[in-house]
Amino acid sequence: MTVYAFGDRHPRVASSAFVSPSATVIGDVTIGEECIVLPGAVIRGDYGEVVVGAGTSVQDNVIVHARPEGRTVIGEEVTLGHGCVVHNAVVDDLAVIGIRAVVSDFAVVGRWAVVAEGAVVTQGSQIPAGKVAVGVPARVIGDLRPEHREELARHKAIYRELARTYADRLVAEG
């Protein structure tokens, strides 16, 4: 993994977390137990602080950053879908940020909320707990249904298992 201090700001990565060798973690970043940070992801705490809670999946090419003296908080068992961006915002436990979605400065995404693929949660917006938001700008279209919550819980469990086993199963070839 590529983990860098930035001046006096040092990353803290839990021993049970997996950070891909091609991911980048810089500065004041905390990565919790059983997190998985996949190839191409960048988590930068160079000017602000980033906290990633236990069991969170940071998928390929995700960008997480904080403003100078700001703080980005990603809760526990969050799914950050491929290529999404979270900047100086709060994403509460169990939320899902879809593929290529954006969560901008000072936004808050509630517990078990889902931000759909490609949606943009604009600066200062709030997506309430258990709601589904779509579009640009993101707007709430309804509640997360129980069957979707069950399906998402299964996917979250798969990524936690990957965090536990990825390092042992990943073998360079060629």
N, C-alpha and C. Protein backbone atom coordinates (compact mmCIF):
# COMPACT_ATOMS: atom_id res chain seq x y z
N MET A 1 0.84 -1.18 0.00
CA MET A 1 0.00 0.00 0.00
C MET A 1 0.88 1.23 0.00
N THR A 2 0.35 2.31 -0.54
CA THR A 2 1.08 3.56 -0.59
C THR A 2 0.49 4.48 0.47
N VAL A 3 1.18 4.57 1.59
CA VAL A 3 0.73 5.37 2.73
C VAL A 3 1.81 6.38 3.05
N TYR A 4 1.41 7.65 3.12
CA TYR A 4 2.37 8.72 3.32
C TYR A 4 1.99 9.59 4.51
N ALA A 5 2.99 9.97 5.29
CA ALA A 5 2.81 11.07 6.23
C ALA A 5 2.88 12.35 5.41
N PHE A 6 2.25 13.40 5.92
CA PHE A 6 2.31 14.72 5.30
C PHE A 6 2.66 15.69 6.41
N GLY A 7 3.93 16.05 6.50
CA GLY A 7 4.40 16.84 7.63
C GLY A 7 4.18 16.06 8.90
N ASP A 8 3.46 16.65 9.86
CA ASP A 8 3.20 15.96 11.12
C ASP A 8 1.89 15.18 11.11
N ARG A 9 1.29 15.02 9.95
CA ARG A 9 0.02 14.28 9.82
C ARG A 9 0.32 12.86 9.35
N HIS A 10 -0.06 11.88 10.18
CA HIS A 10 0.27 10.48 9.90
C HIS A 10 -0.98 9.63 9.79
N PRO A 11 -1.06 8.77 8.75
CA PRO A 11 -2.19 7.85 8.64
C PRO A 11 -2.16 6.80 9.73
N ARG A 12 -3.35 6.34 10.10
CA ARG A 12 -3.53 5.24 11.03
C ARG A 12 -4.44 4.23 10.35
N VAL A 13 -3.89 3.06 10.06
CA VAL A 13 -4.63 2.02 9.34
C VAL A 13 -4.73 0.81 10.25
N ALA A 14 -5.96 0.38 10.53
CA ALA A 14 -6.17 -0.79 11.39
C ALA A 14 -5.50 -2.03 10.79
N SER A 15 -5.02 -2.89 11.65
CA SER A 15 -4.30 -4.08 11.19
C SER A 15 -5.19 -5.02 10.38
N SER A 16 -6.49 -5.00 10.62
CA SER A 16 -7.40 -5.89 9.88
C SER A 16 -7.94 -5.25 8.60
N ALA A 17 -7.53 -4.02 8.31
CA ALA A 17 -7.96 -3.36 7.07
C ALA A 17 -7.05 -3.80 5.93
N PHE A 18 -7.58 -3.75 4.71
CA PHE A 18 -6.77 -4.00 3.53
C PHE A 18 -6.76 -2.73 2.69
N VAL A 19 -5.54 -2.24 2.38
CA VAL A 19 -5.37 -1.11 1.48
C VAL A 19 -4.58 -1.62 0.29
N SER A 20 -5.16 -1.53 -0.90
CA SER A 20 -4.51 -2.00 -2.12
C SER A 20 -3.16 -1.33 -2.32
N PRO A 21 -2.20 -2.06 -2.89
CA PRO A 21 -0.91 -1.45 -3.20
C PRO A 21 -1.02 -0.26 -4.14
N SER A 22 -2.10 -0.19 -4.93
CA SER A 22 -2.25 0.94 -5.86
C SER A 22 -3.21 2.01 -5.35
N ALA A 23 -3.64 1.91 -4.11
CA ALA A 23 -4.41 2.99 -3.48
C ALA A 23 -3.42 3.94 -2.82
N THR A 24 -3.87 5.16 -2.53
CA THR A 24 -3.01 6.15 -1.89
C THR A 24 -3.71 6.72 -0.67
N VAL A 25 -3.01 6.71 0.46
CA VAL A 25 -3.51 7.26 1.72
C VAL A 25 -2.47 8.26 2.20
N ILE A 26 -2.91 9.52 2.40
CA ILE A 26 -1.97 10.59 2.73
C ILE A 26 -2.45 11.36 3.96
N GLY A 27 -1.56 11.53 4.92
CA GLY A 27 -1.78 12.46 6.03
C GLY A 27 -2.69 11.97 7.12
N ASP A 28 -3.51 12.88 7.66
CA ASP A 28 -4.35 12.63 8.83
C ASP A 28 -5.59 11.82 8.43
N VAL A 29 -5.36 10.53 8.26
CA VAL A 29 -6.41 9.60 7.83
C VAL A 29 -6.45 8.45 8.82
N THR A 30 -7.66 8.11 9.26
CA THR A 30 -7.86 6.93 10.09
C THR A 30 -8.73 5.96 9.30
N ILE A 31 -8.24 4.73 9.17
CA ILE A 31 -8.99 3.67 8.47
C ILE A 31 -9.26 2.58 9.48
N GLY A 32 -10.55 2.29 9.71
CA GLY A 32 -10.98 1.37 10.75
C GLY A 32 -10.81 -0.10 10.42
N GLU A 33 -11.14 -0.92 11.40
CA GLU A 33 -11.06 -2.38 11.28
C GLU A 33 -11.90 -2.89 10.11
N GLU A 34 -11.37 -3.89 9.42
CA GLU A 34 -12.04 -4.60 8.34
C GLU A 34 -12.54 -3.70 7.22
N CYS A 35 -11.85 -2.58 7.02
CA CYS A 35 -12.12 -1.74 5.84
C CYS A 35 -11.37 -2.33 4.66
N ILE A 36 -11.88 -2.07 3.47
CA ILE A 36 -11.16 -2.42 2.26
C ILE A 36 -11.06 -1.17 1.40
N VAL A 37 -9.85 -0.86 0.97
CA VAL A 37 -9.58 0.29 0.11
C VAL A 37 -8.98 -0.29 -1.17
N LEU A 38 -9.73 -0.21 -2.25
CA LEU A 38 -9.39 -0.93 -3.48
C LEU A 38 -8.53 -0.10 -4.43
N PRO A 39 -8.06 -0.71 -5.53
CA PRO A 39 -7.11 -0.06 -6.43
C PRO A 39 -7.58 1.32 -6.91
N GLY A 40 -6.63 2.25 -6.92
CA GLY A 40 -6.87 3.57 -7.45
C GLY A 40 -7.54 4.54 -6.50
N ALA A 41 -8.00 4.06 -5.36
CA ALA A 41 -8.64 4.96 -4.39
C ALA A 41 -7.61 5.92 -3.81
N VAL A 42 -8.05 7.15 -3.54
CA VAL A 42 -7.19 8.15 -2.93
C VAL A 42 -7.92 8.73 -1.73
N ILE A 43 -7.29 8.63 -0.56
CA ILE A 43 -7.84 9.20 0.67
C ILE A 43 -6.81 10.18 1.19
N ARG A 44 -7.16 11.48 1.14
CA ARG A 44 -6.18 12.53 1.46
C ARG A 44 -6.59 13.32 2.68
N GLY A 45 -5.74 13.24 3.69
CA GLY A 45 -5.88 14.06 4.87
C GLY A 45 -4.69 14.99 4.98
N ASP A 46 -4.33 15.61 3.87
CA ASP A 46 -3.15 16.47 3.85
C ASP A 46 -3.40 17.80 4.55
N TYR A 47 -4.57 18.37 4.40
CA TYR A 47 -4.89 19.65 5.03
C TYR A 47 -6.00 19.54 6.05
N GLY A 48 -6.81 18.53 5.93
CA GLY A 48 -7.89 18.28 6.87
C GLY A 48 -7.78 16.85 7.38
N GLU A 49 -8.81 16.39 8.09
CA GLU A 49 -8.82 15.05 8.66
C GLU A 49 -9.86 14.20 7.94
N VAL A 50 -9.52 12.92 7.73
CA VAL A 50 -10.45 11.96 7.16
C VAL A 50 -10.54 10.77 8.10
N VAL A 51 -11.77 10.38 8.45
CA VAL A 51 -12.01 9.21 9.29
C VAL A 51 -12.90 8.26 8.52
N VAL A 52 -12.45 7.01 8.40
CA VAL A 52 -13.21 5.96 7.72
C VAL A 52 -13.52 4.88 8.74
N GLY A 53 -14.80 4.66 9.02
CA GLY A 53 -15.22 3.73 10.05
C GLY A 53 -15.06 2.27 9.68
N ALA A 54 -15.15 1.42 10.68
CA ALA A 54 -14.96 -0.03 10.53
C ALA A 54 -15.91 -0.61 9.49
N GLY A 55 -15.39 -1.57 8.73
CA GLY A 55 -16.20 -2.33 7.80
C GLY A 55 -16.60 -1.59 6.54
N THR A 56 -16.01 -0.43 6.30
CA THR A 56 -16.37 0.37 5.13
C THR A 56 -15.63 -0.12 3.90
N SER A 57 -16.31 -0.07 2.77
CA SER A 57 -15.75 -0.45 1.47
C SER A 57 -15.49 0.82 0.66
N VAL A 58 -14.22 1.08 0.40
CA VAL A 58 -13.81 2.20 -0.44
C VAL A 58 -13.38 1.58 -1.77
N GLN A 59 -14.26 1.63 -2.74
CA GLN A 59 -14.04 0.88 -3.97
C GLN A 59 -13.11 1.61 -4.94
N ASP A 60 -12.84 0.97 -6.06
CA ASP A 60 -11.87 1.44 -7.04
C ASP A 60 -12.10 2.90 -7.42
N ASN A 61 -11.01 3.67 -7.42
CA ASN A 61 -10.97 5.05 -7.91
C ASN A 61 -11.83 6.04 -7.12
N VAL A 62 -12.18 5.71 -5.90
CA VAL A 62 -12.88 6.64 -5.02
C VAL A 62 -11.91 7.74 -4.59
N ILE A 63 -12.42 8.96 -4.42
CA ILE A 63 -11.63 10.06 -3.87
C ILE A 63 -12.33 10.56 -2.61
N VAL A 64 -11.57 10.61 -1.51
CA VAL A 64 -12.06 11.16 -0.25
C VAL A 64 -11.05 12.21 0.20
N HIS A 65 -11.54 13.42 0.50
CA HIS A 65 -10.65 14.52 0.87
C HIS A 65 -11.37 15.43 1.85
N ALA A 66 -10.62 16.27 2.53
CA ALA A 66 -11.19 17.27 3.43
C ALA A 66 -10.56 18.62 3.15
N ARG A 67 -11.33 19.68 3.36
CA ARG A 67 -10.81 21.04 3.21
C ARG A 67 -9.74 21.33 4.26
N PRO A 68 -8.95 22.38 4.05
CA PRO A 68 -8.00 22.78 5.10
C PRO A 68 -8.73 22.98 6.43
N GLU A 69 -8.22 22.31 7.44
CA GLU A 69 -8.80 22.32 8.79
C GLU A 69 -10.20 21.71 8.84
N GLY A 70 -10.65 21.11 7.77
CA GLY A 70 -11.97 20.47 7.71
C GLY A 70 -11.89 19.01 8.11
N ARG A 71 -13.03 18.36 8.03
CA ARG A 71 -13.11 16.96 8.45
C ARG A 71 -14.12 16.23 7.57
N THR A 72 -13.71 15.10 7.04
CA THR A 72 -14.60 14.20 6.31
C THR A 72 -14.75 12.96 7.16
N VAL A 73 -15.99 12.58 7.42
CA VAL A 73 -16.26 11.41 8.25
C VAL A 73 -17.10 10.44 7.45
N ILE A 74 -16.57 9.23 7.30
CA ILE A 74 -17.27 8.13 6.67
C ILE A 74 -17.57 7.14 7.79
N GLY A 75 -18.84 6.82 8.01
CA GLY A 75 -19.23 5.96 9.12
C GLY A 75 -18.83 4.51 8.94
N GLU A 76 -19.41 3.67 9.76
CA GLU A 76 -19.14 2.23 9.72
C GLU A 76 -20.03 1.56 8.68
N GLU A 77 -19.45 0.54 8.03
CA GLU A 77 -20.13 -0.28 7.04
C GLU A 77 -20.77 0.53 5.91
N VAL A 78 -20.08 1.59 5.54
CA VAL A 78 -20.51 2.41 4.40
C VAL A 78 -19.97 1.77 3.13
N THR A 79 -20.71 1.92 2.04
CA THR A 79 -20.23 1.52 0.73
C THR A 79 -19.98 2.78 -0.08
N LEU A 80 -18.73 2.98 -0.47
CA LEU A 80 -18.37 4.07 -1.37
C LEU A 80 -18.12 3.43 -2.73
N GLY A 81 -19.10 3.56 -3.62
CA GLY A 81 -19.07 2.89 -4.93
C GLY A 81 -17.97 3.41 -5.83
N HIS A 82 -17.65 2.62 -6.82
CA HIS A 82 -16.56 2.89 -7.76
C HIS A 82 -16.59 4.33 -8.27
N GLY A 83 -15.47 5.01 -8.10
CA GLY A 83 -15.30 6.33 -8.69
C GLY A 83 -16.08 7.46 -8.04
N CYS A 84 -16.66 7.24 -6.88
CA CYS A 84 -17.39 8.34 -6.25
C CYS A 84 -16.42 9.30 -5.58
N VAL A 85 -16.92 10.50 -5.24
CA VAL A 85 -16.12 11.52 -4.57
C VAL A 85 -16.88 11.98 -3.33
N VAL A 86 -16.18 12.00 -2.20
CA VAL A 86 -16.73 12.55 -0.96
C VAL A 86 -15.75 13.61 -0.49
N HIS A 87 -16.22 14.86 -0.39
CA HIS A 87 -15.33 15.97 -0.08
C HIS A 87 -15.87 16.78 1.09
N ASN A 88 -15.15 16.73 2.22
CA ASN A 88 -15.47 17.52 3.40
C ASN A 88 -16.94 17.37 3.81
N ALA A 89 -17.37 16.13 3.90
CA ALA A 89 -18.77 15.82 4.17
C ALA A 89 -18.85 14.72 5.23
N VAL A 90 -20.08 14.39 5.62
CA VAL A 90 -20.34 13.31 6.56
C VAL A 90 -21.24 12.29 5.89
N VAL A 91 -20.80 11.03 5.92
CA VAL A 91 -21.61 9.92 5.42
C VAL A 91 -21.80 8.98 6.60
N ASP A 92 -23.03 8.86 7.06
CA ASP A 92 -23.32 8.11 8.28
C ASP A 92 -23.28 6.60 8.04
N ASP A 93 -23.30 5.84 9.14
CA ASP A 93 -23.20 4.39 9.11
C ASP A 93 -24.18 3.77 8.11
N LEU A 94 -23.69 2.73 7.42
CA LEU A 94 -24.47 1.86 6.55
C LEU A 94 -24.97 2.53 5.28
N ALA A 95 -24.63 3.79 5.05
CA ALA A 95 -25.05 4.48 3.84
C ALA A 95 -24.35 3.89 2.62
N VAL A 96 -24.91 4.18 1.45
CA VAL A 96 -24.34 3.75 0.18
C VAL A 96 -24.22 4.97 -0.72
N ILE A 97 -23.02 5.20 -1.21
CA ILE A 97 -22.78 6.25 -2.19
C ILE A 97 -22.49 5.53 -3.50
N GLY A 98 -23.35 5.71 -4.47
CA GLY A 98 -23.29 4.94 -5.71
C GLY A 98 -22.12 5.29 -6.61
N ILE A 99 -21.97 4.48 -7.63
CA ILE A 99 -20.90 4.64 -8.62
C ILE A 99 -20.94 6.05 -9.20
N ARG A 100 -19.78 6.71 -9.17
CA ARG A 100 -19.57 8.04 -9.74
C ARG A 100 -20.44 9.14 -9.13
N ALA A 101 -21.00 8.90 -7.96
CA ALA A 101 -21.76 9.94 -7.26
C ALA A 101 -20.80 10.91 -6.59
N VAL A 102 -21.31 12.10 -6.24
CA VAL A 102 -20.52 13.13 -5.58
C VAL A 102 -21.27 13.58 -4.33
N VAL A 103 -20.54 13.65 -3.22
CA VAL A 103 -21.07 14.23 -1.98
C VAL A 103 -20.14 15.39 -1.65
N SER A 104 -20.68 16.62 -1.73
CA SER A 104 -19.86 17.81 -1.66
C SER A 104 -19.77 18.39 -0.25
N ASP A 105 -19.01 19.45 -0.14
CA ASP A 105 -18.68 20.09 1.13
C ASP A 105 -19.89 20.33 2.03
N PHE A 106 -19.72 19.96 3.28
CA PHE A 106 -20.69 20.19 4.35
C PHE A 106 -22.01 19.46 4.16
N ALA A 107 -22.07 18.54 3.21
CA ALA A 107 -23.28 17.71 3.03
C ALA A 107 -23.28 16.62 4.10
N VAL A 108 -24.48 16.10 4.39
CA VAL A 108 -24.64 15.00 5.34
C VAL A 108 -25.55 13.97 4.70
N VAL A 109 -25.06 12.73 4.66
CA VAL A 109 -25.85 11.61 4.16
C VAL A 109 -26.15 10.73 5.37
N GLY A 110 -27.44 10.52 5.66
CA GLY A 110 -27.85 9.82 6.86
C GLY A 110 -27.65 8.31 6.82
N ARG A 111 -27.85 7.72 7.98
CA ARG A 111 -27.72 6.27 8.18
C ARG A 111 -28.65 5.52 7.21
N TRP A 112 -28.10 4.52 6.55
CA TRP A 112 -28.83 3.68 5.59
C TRP A 112 -29.42 4.48 4.44
N ALA A 113 -28.94 5.69 4.20
CA ALA A 113 -29.38 6.43 3.02
C ALA A 113 -28.61 5.92 1.80
N VAL A 114 -29.21 6.06 0.64
CA VAL A 114 -28.58 5.65 -0.61
C VAL A 114 -28.55 6.85 -1.55
N VAL A 115 -27.35 7.18 -2.02
CA VAL A 115 -27.17 8.19 -3.06
C VAL A 115 -26.90 7.41 -4.33
N ALA A 116 -27.81 7.50 -5.28
CA ALA A 116 -27.75 6.68 -6.49
C ALA A 116 -26.55 7.01 -7.36
N GLU A 117 -26.27 6.12 -8.29
CA GLU A 117 -25.17 6.30 -9.23
C GLU A 117 -25.28 7.64 -9.93
N GLY A 118 -24.15 8.35 -9.99
CA GLY A 118 -24.09 9.60 -10.72
C GLY A 118 -24.78 10.78 -10.07
N ALA A 119 -25.40 10.60 -8.92
CA ALA A 119 -26.09 11.70 -8.25
C ALA A 119 -25.07 12.68 -7.66
N VAL A 120 -25.51 13.92 -7.48
CA VAL A 120 -24.64 14.94 -6.89
C VAL A 120 -25.37 15.55 -5.69
N VAL A 121 -24.82 15.28 -4.52
CA VAL A 121 -25.32 15.87 -3.28
C VAL A 121 -24.55 17.17 -3.12
N THR A 122 -25.22 18.28 -3.36
CA THR A 122 -24.56 19.57 -3.40
C THR A 122 -24.17 20.07 -2.02
N GLN A 123 -23.32 21.08 -2.01
CA GLN A 123 -22.78 21.67 -0.79
C GLN A 123 -23.89 21.98 0.21
N GLY A 124 -23.71 21.47 1.44
CA GLY A 124 -24.62 21.76 2.53
C GLY A 124 -25.93 20.99 2.52
N SER A 125 -26.15 20.14 1.54
CA SER A 125 -27.40 19.37 1.45
C SER A 125 -27.43 18.26 2.47
N GLN A 126 -28.64 17.78 2.77
CA GLN A 126 -28.80 16.65 3.66
C GLN A 126 -29.71 15.62 3.02
N ILE A 127 -29.25 14.37 3.09
CA ILE A 127 -30.07 13.24 2.66
C ILE A 127 -30.44 12.51 3.94
N PRO A 128 -31.72 12.50 4.32
CA PRO A 128 -32.12 11.91 5.60
C PRO A 128 -31.88 10.40 5.66
N ALA A 129 -31.80 9.90 6.86
CA ALA A 129 -31.61 8.47 7.10
C ALA A 129 -32.69 7.67 6.39
N GLY A 130 -32.27 6.55 5.79
CA GLY A 130 -33.20 5.61 5.18
C GLY A 130 -33.85 6.06 3.90
N LYS A 131 -33.37 7.14 3.30
CA LYS A 131 -33.95 7.68 2.06
C LYS A 131 -33.07 7.35 0.87
N VAL A 132 -33.66 7.40 -0.31
CA VAL A 132 -32.95 7.19 -1.56
C VAL A 132 -32.96 8.52 -2.32
N ALA A 133 -31.78 8.96 -2.76
CA ALA A 133 -31.66 10.21 -3.49
C ALA A 133 -31.05 9.95 -4.86
N VAL A 134 -31.58 10.64 -5.88
CA VAL A 134 -31.12 10.47 -7.25
C VAL A 134 -30.98 11.85 -7.91
N GLY A 135 -30.22 11.90 -8.99
CA GLY A 135 -30.21 13.08 -9.84
C GLY A 135 -29.14 14.10 -9.55
N VAL A 136 -29.19 15.16 -10.37
CA VAL A 136 -28.26 16.28 -10.29
C VAL A 136 -29.08 17.56 -10.32
N PRO A 137 -29.19 18.26 -9.21
CA PRO A 137 -28.72 17.88 -7.89
C PRO A 137 -29.56 16.74 -7.31
N ALA A 138 -29.00 16.04 -6.34
CA ALA A 138 -29.69 14.89 -5.75
C ALA A 138 -30.98 15.35 -5.06
N ARG A 139 -32.03 14.57 -5.27
CA ARG A 139 -33.30 14.81 -4.59
C ARG A 139 -33.83 13.48 -4.07
N VAL A 140 -34.48 13.51 -2.94
CA VAL A 140 -35.02 12.31 -2.32
C VAL A 140 -36.25 11.86 -3.09
N ILE A 141 -36.26 10.55 -3.44
CA ILE A 141 -37.41 10.02 -4.17
C ILE A 141 -38.22 9.01 -3.37
N GLY A 142 -37.73 8.64 -2.20
CA GLY A 142 -38.48 7.70 -1.39
C GLY A 142 -37.63 7.04 -0.33
N ASP A 143 -38.22 6.01 0.27
CA ASP A 143 -37.57 5.27 1.35
C ASP A 143 -36.82 4.06 0.80
N LEU A 144 -35.75 3.69 1.50
CA LEU A 144 -35.04 2.46 1.19
C LEU A 144 -35.93 1.31 1.63
N ARG A 145 -36.30 0.45 0.71
CA ARG A 145 -37.22 -0.65 1.03
C ARG A 145 -36.47 -1.78 1.75
N PRO A 146 -37.18 -2.54 2.59
CA PRO A 146 -36.53 -3.61 3.35
C PRO A 146 -35.78 -4.61 2.48
N GLU A 147 -36.33 -4.97 1.32
CA GLU A 147 -35.65 -5.94 0.47
C GLU A 147 -34.34 -5.38 -0.10
N HIS A 148 -34.30 -4.07 -0.34
CA HIS A 148 -33.05 -3.46 -0.80
C HIS A 148 -32.03 -3.38 0.32
N ARG A 149 -32.51 -3.11 1.51
CA ARG A 149 -31.61 -3.08 2.67
C ARG A 149 -30.98 -4.46 2.88
N GLU A 150 -31.77 -5.51 2.73
CA GLU A 150 -31.24 -6.88 2.88
C GLU A 150 -30.19 -7.18 1.81
N GLU A 151 -30.47 -6.78 0.57
CA GLU A 151 -29.51 -7.00 -0.50
C GLU A 151 -28.22 -6.22 -0.25
N LEU A 152 -28.35 -4.97 0.15
CA LEU A 152 -27.17 -4.16 0.45
C LEU A 152 -26.38 -4.74 1.62
N ALA A 153 -27.05 -5.26 2.62
CA ALA A 153 -26.37 -5.88 3.76
C ALA A 153 -25.54 -7.08 3.30
N ARG A 154 -26.07 -7.86 2.36
CA ARG A 154 -25.31 -9.00 1.82
C ARG A 154 -24.04 -8.50 1.12
N HIS A 155 -24.16 -7.44 0.33
CA HIS A 155 -22.99 -6.91 -0.37
C HIS A 155 -21.96 -6.36 0.61
N LYS A 156 -22.44 -5.70 1.66
CA LYS A 156 -21.52 -5.17 2.67
C LYS A 156 -20.74 -6.30 3.34
N ALA A 157 -21.42 -7.43 3.60
CA ALA A 157 -20.76 -8.59 4.21
C ALA A 157 -19.69 -9.16 3.28
N ILE A 158 -19.95 -9.16 1.99
CA ILE A 158 -18.96 -9.65 1.02
C ILE A 158 -17.70 -8.80 1.08
N TYR A 159 -17.86 -7.48 1.13
CA TYR A 159 -16.68 -6.61 1.17
C TYR A 159 -15.94 -6.72 2.50
N ARG A 160 -16.64 -6.94 3.59
CA ARG A 160 -15.94 -7.17 4.88
C ARG A 160 -15.12 -8.45 4.79
N GLU A 161 -15.69 -9.48 4.18
CA GLU A 161 -14.94 -10.73 4.01
C GLU A 161 -13.73 -10.49 3.10
N LEU A 162 -13.90 -9.71 2.04
CA LEU A 162 -12.75 -9.39 1.19
C LEU A 162 -11.66 -8.67 1.98
N ALA A 163 -12.05 -7.77 2.86
CA ALA A 163 -11.05 -7.06 3.68
C ALA A 163 -10.23 -8.04 4.50
N ARG A 164 -10.90 -9.09 5.00
CA ARG A 164 -10.20 -10.09 5.83
C ARG A 164 -9.29 -11.00 5.01
N THR A 165 -9.64 -11.22 3.74
CA THR A 165 -8.93 -12.25 2.96
C THR A 165 -8.16 -11.73 1.76
N TYR A 166 -8.35 -10.49 1.37
CA TYR A 166 -7.77 -9.98 0.12
C TYR A 166 -6.25 -10.12 0.10
N ALA A 167 -5.59 -9.72 1.16
CA ALA A 167 -4.12 -9.76 1.18
C ALA A 167 -3.59 -11.17 0.96
N ASP A 168 -4.26 -12.17 1.51
CA ASP A 168 -3.81 -13.56 1.36
C ASP A 168 -4.12 -14.12 -0.02
N ARG A 169 -5.12 -13.61 -0.68
CA ARG A 169 -5.57 -14.14 -1.97
C ARG A 169 -5.00 -13.39 -3.16
N LEU A 170 -4.43 -12.22 -2.92
CA LEU A 170 -3.91 -11.38 -4.00
C LEU A 170 -2.50 -11.84 -4.34
N VAL A 171 -2.30 -12.28 -5.58
CA VAL A 171 -1.00 -12.80 -6.00
C VAL A 171 -0.62 -12.12 -7.31
N ALA A 172 0.53 -11.46 -7.33
CA ALA A 172 1.02 -10.82 -8.55
C ALA A 172 1.49 -11.88 -9.53
N GLU A 173 1.16 -11.68 -10.79
CA GLU A 173 1.61 -12.60 -11.83
C GLU A 173 2.33 -11.82 -12.92
N GLY A 174 3.32 -12.49 -13.51
CA GLY A 174 4.01 -11.89 -14.65
C GLY A 174 5.10 -10.96 -14.35
